[in-house]
Amino acid sequence: MASLKAAFDKAVADSKNLPEKPDNATLLQIYSLYKQATVGDVEGKRPGFTDMVGRAKWDAWNSIKGKDTDEAMKEYVALIESLK
């Protein structure tokens, strides 16, 4: 478990120094996996039409609701590694 947390923390740091900015769909995937791994399932109401970015983030996070924290960490690490 400690090694997964270390790998996740390294991937978080690496995500800030990717060679090029990922497309929006990939950025939403990174965001949702990070939030699922660090916070858990999304809570609260879906943002309204005027908050397009918040709504997209909420939808992406909500789409992986129920995913185990360790699984979200593993997928996050794998995604960041694939973008290097």
N, C-alpha and C. Protein backbone atom coordinates (compact mmCIF):
# COMPACT_ATOMS: atom_id res chain seq x y z
N MET A 1 0.83 -1.21 0.00
CA MET A 1 0.00 0.00 0.00
C MET A 1 0.87 1.26 0.00
N ALA A 2 1.93 1.26 0.81
CA ALA A 2 2.79 2.44 0.88
C ALA A 2 3.44 2.71 -0.48
N SER A 3 3.79 1.64 -1.20
CA SER A 3 4.42 1.84 -2.50
C SER A 3 3.43 2.41 -3.52
N LEU A 4 2.16 2.02 -3.42
CA LEU A 4 1.15 2.58 -4.32
C LEU A 4 0.97 4.06 -4.03
N LYS A 5 0.92 4.43 -2.75
CA LYS A 5 0.78 5.84 -2.36
C LYS A 5 1.98 6.64 -2.86
N ALA A 6 3.19 6.07 -2.74
CA ALA A 6 4.40 6.75 -3.21
C ALA A 6 4.35 6.92 -4.73
N ALA A 7 3.93 5.88 -5.43
CA ALA A 7 3.82 5.96 -6.89
C ALA A 7 2.78 7.00 -7.30
N PHE A 8 1.67 7.05 -6.56
CA PHE A 8 0.62 8.02 -6.83
C PHE A 8 1.13 9.44 -6.61
N ASP A 9 1.82 9.65 -5.48
CA ASP A 9 2.37 10.98 -5.18
C ASP A 9 3.37 11.42 -6.24
N LYS A 10 4.18 10.49 -6.73
CA LYS A 10 5.15 10.80 -7.78
C LYS A 10 4.41 11.14 -9.07
N ALA A 11 3.36 10.40 -9.38
CA ALA A 11 2.58 10.67 -10.59
C ALA A 11 1.91 12.05 -10.52
N VAL A 12 1.44 12.42 -9.33
CA VAL A 12 0.84 13.75 -9.16
C VAL A 12 1.89 14.82 -9.47
N ALA A 13 3.10 14.64 -8.94
CA ALA A 13 4.18 15.60 -9.22
C ALA A 13 4.53 15.59 -10.71
N ASP A 14 4.61 14.40 -11.30
CA ASP A 14 4.94 14.28 -12.72
C ASP A 14 3.87 14.92 -13.60
N SER A 15 2.62 14.89 -13.16
CA SER A 15 1.52 15.42 -13.97
C SER A 15 1.68 16.92 -14.22
N LYS A 16 2.42 17.59 -13.36
CA LYS A 16 2.64 19.03 -13.51
C LYS A 16 3.74 19.35 -14.51
N ASN A 17 4.48 18.32 -14.93
CA ASN A 17 5.62 18.53 -15.84
C ASN A 17 5.55 17.64 -17.07
N LEU A 18 4.37 17.44 -17.60
CA LEU A 18 4.23 16.61 -18.80
C LEU A 18 4.81 17.35 -20.01
N PRO A 19 5.35 16.61 -20.98
CA PRO A 19 5.96 17.25 -22.14
C PRO A 19 5.00 18.13 -22.94
N GLU A 20 3.72 17.74 -22.99
CA GLU A 20 2.72 18.58 -23.65
C GLU A 20 1.40 18.47 -22.91
N LYS A 21 0.58 19.52 -23.04
CA LYS A 21 -0.70 19.53 -22.34
C LYS A 21 -1.65 18.52 -22.99
N PRO A 22 -2.23 17.62 -22.17
CA PRO A 22 -3.19 16.64 -22.71
C PRO A 22 -4.46 17.33 -23.21
N ASP A 23 -5.21 16.61 -24.07
CA ASP A 23 -6.48 17.16 -24.54
C ASP A 23 -7.49 17.21 -23.38
N ASN A 24 -8.59 17.89 -23.61
CA ASN A 24 -9.57 18.11 -22.54
C ASN A 24 -10.14 16.81 -21.97
N ALA A 25 -10.41 15.83 -22.84
CA ALA A 25 -10.95 14.55 -22.37
C ALA A 25 -9.97 13.87 -21.42
N THR A 26 -8.69 13.93 -21.76
CA THR A 26 -7.65 13.32 -20.90
C THR A 26 -7.51 14.11 -19.61
N LEU A 27 -7.58 15.42 -19.70
CA LEU A 27 -7.51 16.24 -18.48
C LEU A 27 -8.66 15.91 -17.53
N LEU A 28 -9.85 15.70 -18.08
CA LEU A 28 -10.99 15.33 -17.24
C LEU A 28 -10.78 13.96 -16.61
N GLN A 29 -10.17 13.04 -17.35
CA GLN A 29 -9.89 11.72 -16.81
C GLN A 29 -8.87 11.81 -15.67
N ILE A 30 -7.83 12.62 -15.87
CA ILE A 30 -6.82 12.84 -14.82
C ILE A 30 -7.50 13.42 -13.58
N TYR A 31 -8.32 14.44 -13.79
CA TYR A 31 -9.03 15.09 -12.68
C TYR A 31 -9.90 14.10 -11.91
N SER A 32 -10.71 13.35 -12.65
CA SER A 32 -11.66 12.45 -11.99
C SER A 32 -10.95 11.34 -11.22
N LEU A 33 -9.89 10.79 -11.79
CA LEU A 33 -9.14 9.74 -11.08
C LEU A 33 -8.46 10.30 -9.84
N TYR A 34 -7.92 11.52 -9.95
CA TYR A 34 -7.28 12.15 -8.80
C TYR A 34 -8.30 12.37 -7.68
N LYS A 35 -9.45 12.93 -8.03
CA LYS A 35 -10.47 13.20 -7.01
C LYS A 35 -11.00 11.92 -6.39
N GLN A 36 -11.20 10.89 -7.21
CA GLN A 36 -11.70 9.61 -6.69
C GLN A 36 -10.68 9.00 -5.74
N ALA A 37 -9.39 9.12 -6.09
CA ALA A 37 -8.33 8.54 -5.26
C ALA A 37 -8.14 9.31 -3.95
N THR A 38 -8.35 10.62 -3.99
CA THR A 38 -8.07 11.44 -2.80
C THR A 38 -9.30 11.77 -1.96
N VAL A 39 -10.48 11.85 -2.59
CA VAL A 39 -11.69 12.26 -1.87
C VAL A 39 -12.71 11.12 -1.76
N GLY A 40 -12.80 10.33 -2.83
CA GLY A 40 -13.83 9.29 -2.88
C GLY A 40 -14.93 9.72 -3.83
N ASP A 41 -16.11 9.15 -3.66
CA ASP A 41 -17.22 9.44 -4.55
C ASP A 41 -17.62 10.92 -4.51
N VAL A 42 -18.03 11.41 -5.67
CA VAL A 42 -18.49 12.79 -5.79
C VAL A 42 -19.74 12.98 -4.93
N GLU A 43 -19.85 14.15 -4.32
CA GLU A 43 -21.02 14.49 -3.51
C GLU A 43 -21.52 15.86 -3.93
N GLY A 44 -22.71 16.17 -3.54
CA GLY A 44 -23.27 17.47 -3.86
C GLY A 44 -24.01 17.47 -5.18
N LYS A 45 -24.61 18.59 -5.48
CA LYS A 45 -25.40 18.73 -6.69
C LYS A 45 -24.52 19.02 -7.90
N ARG A 46 -25.00 18.58 -9.05
CA ARG A 46 -24.31 18.85 -10.31
C ARG A 46 -24.39 20.35 -10.59
N PRO A 47 -23.26 20.99 -10.96
CA PRO A 47 -23.29 22.43 -11.26
C PRO A 47 -24.27 22.74 -12.40
N GLY A 48 -24.75 23.95 -12.43
CA GLY A 48 -25.72 24.37 -13.43
C GLY A 48 -25.10 24.64 -14.79
N PHE A 49 -25.96 24.98 -15.74
CA PHE A 49 -25.54 25.22 -17.13
C PHE A 49 -24.51 26.34 -17.26
N THR A 50 -24.55 27.31 -16.37
CA THR A 50 -23.63 28.45 -16.49
C THR A 50 -22.21 28.08 -16.11
N ASP A 51 -22.02 27.00 -15.38
CA ASP A 51 -20.68 26.55 -14.97
C ASP A 51 -20.29 25.34 -15.82
N MET A 52 -19.90 25.60 -17.07
CA MET A 52 -19.60 24.51 -18.01
C MET A 52 -18.41 23.66 -17.55
N VAL A 53 -17.37 24.30 -17.06
CA VAL A 53 -16.17 23.58 -16.62
C VAL A 53 -16.49 22.74 -15.38
N GLY A 54 -17.15 23.35 -14.41
CA GLY A 54 -17.52 22.64 -13.19
C GLY A 54 -18.43 21.45 -13.49
N ARG A 55 -19.32 21.65 -14.44
CA ARG A 55 -20.25 20.59 -14.83
C ARG A 55 -19.50 19.43 -15.49
N ALA A 56 -18.56 19.74 -16.38
CA ALA A 56 -17.77 18.70 -17.05
C ALA A 56 -16.93 17.92 -16.04
N LYS A 57 -16.34 18.64 -15.08
CA LYS A 57 -15.55 17.97 -14.04
C LYS A 57 -16.43 17.08 -13.18
N TRP A 58 -17.59 17.59 -12.78
CA TRP A 58 -18.51 16.82 -11.95
C TRP A 58 -18.94 15.56 -12.67
N ASP A 59 -19.30 15.70 -13.96
CA ASP A 59 -19.74 14.55 -14.76
C ASP A 59 -18.65 13.50 -14.88
N ALA A 60 -17.41 13.96 -15.12
CA ALA A 60 -16.29 13.02 -15.26
C ALA A 60 -16.06 12.27 -13.95
N TRP A 61 -16.10 12.99 -12.84
CA TRP A 61 -15.88 12.38 -11.53
C TRP A 61 -17.03 11.43 -11.20
N ASN A 62 -18.26 11.85 -11.49
CA ASN A 62 -19.42 11.03 -11.20
C ASN A 62 -19.42 9.74 -12.03
N SER A 63 -18.81 9.77 -13.20
CA SER A 63 -18.81 8.60 -14.09
C SER A 63 -18.00 7.43 -13.52
N ILE A 64 -17.12 7.72 -12.55
CA ILE A 64 -16.34 6.63 -11.94
C ILE A 64 -16.73 6.41 -10.48
N LYS A 65 -17.92 6.87 -10.13
CA LYS A 65 -18.44 6.71 -8.77
C LYS A 65 -18.40 5.23 -8.37
N GLY A 66 -17.94 4.96 -7.17
CA GLY A 66 -17.89 3.58 -6.68
C GLY A 66 -16.54 2.91 -6.90
N LYS A 67 -15.67 3.55 -7.69
CA LYS A 67 -14.35 2.96 -7.95
C LYS A 67 -13.52 2.99 -6.67
N ASP A 68 -12.87 1.89 -6.37
CA ASP A 68 -12.02 1.75 -5.19
C ASP A 68 -10.87 2.76 -5.23
N THR A 69 -10.48 3.29 -4.08
CA THR A 69 -9.39 4.26 -3.99
C THR A 69 -8.10 3.72 -4.60
N ASP A 70 -7.73 2.49 -4.25
CA ASP A 70 -6.50 1.90 -4.79
C ASP A 70 -6.57 1.75 -6.30
N GLU A 71 -7.72 1.36 -6.81
CA GLU A 71 -7.89 1.20 -8.25
C GLU A 71 -7.76 2.55 -8.96
N ALA A 72 -8.34 3.59 -8.37
CA ALA A 72 -8.23 4.94 -8.94
C ALA A 72 -6.78 5.40 -8.95
N MET A 73 -6.05 5.11 -7.87
CA MET A 73 -4.63 5.46 -7.81
C MET A 73 -3.83 4.74 -8.90
N LYS A 74 -4.08 3.44 -9.05
CA LYS A 74 -3.37 2.65 -10.07
C LYS A 74 -3.65 3.20 -11.47
N GLU A 75 -4.90 3.50 -11.75
CA GLU A 75 -5.26 4.02 -13.08
C GLU A 75 -4.66 5.40 -13.31
N TYR A 76 -4.61 6.22 -12.27
CA TYR A 76 -4.02 7.55 -12.37
C TYR A 76 -2.54 7.43 -12.71
N VAL A 77 -1.83 6.58 -11.97
CA VAL A 77 -0.40 6.37 -12.21
C VAL A 77 -0.16 5.90 -13.63
N ALA A 78 -0.95 4.91 -14.07
CA ALA A 78 -0.79 4.37 -15.43
C ALA A 78 -1.06 5.44 -16.49
N LEU A 79 -2.08 6.27 -16.26
CA LEU A 79 -2.41 7.32 -17.23
C LEU A 79 -1.29 8.35 -17.33
N ILE A 80 -0.77 8.80 -16.19
CA ILE A 80 0.32 9.78 -16.21
C ILE A 80 1.55 9.18 -16.88
N GLU A 81 1.86 7.93 -16.57
CA GLU A 81 3.02 7.26 -17.20
C GLU A 81 2.85 7.22 -18.72
N SER A 82 1.63 6.99 -19.20
CA SER A 82 1.40 6.90 -20.64
C SER A 82 1.54 8.26 -21.33
N LEU A 83 1.45 9.34 -20.57
CA LEU A 83 1.53 10.69 -21.14
C LEU A 83 2.95 11.26 -21.13
N LYS A 84 3.87 10.58 -20.48
CA LYS A 84 5.25 11.08 -20.38
C LYS A 84 5.98 10.97 -21.70
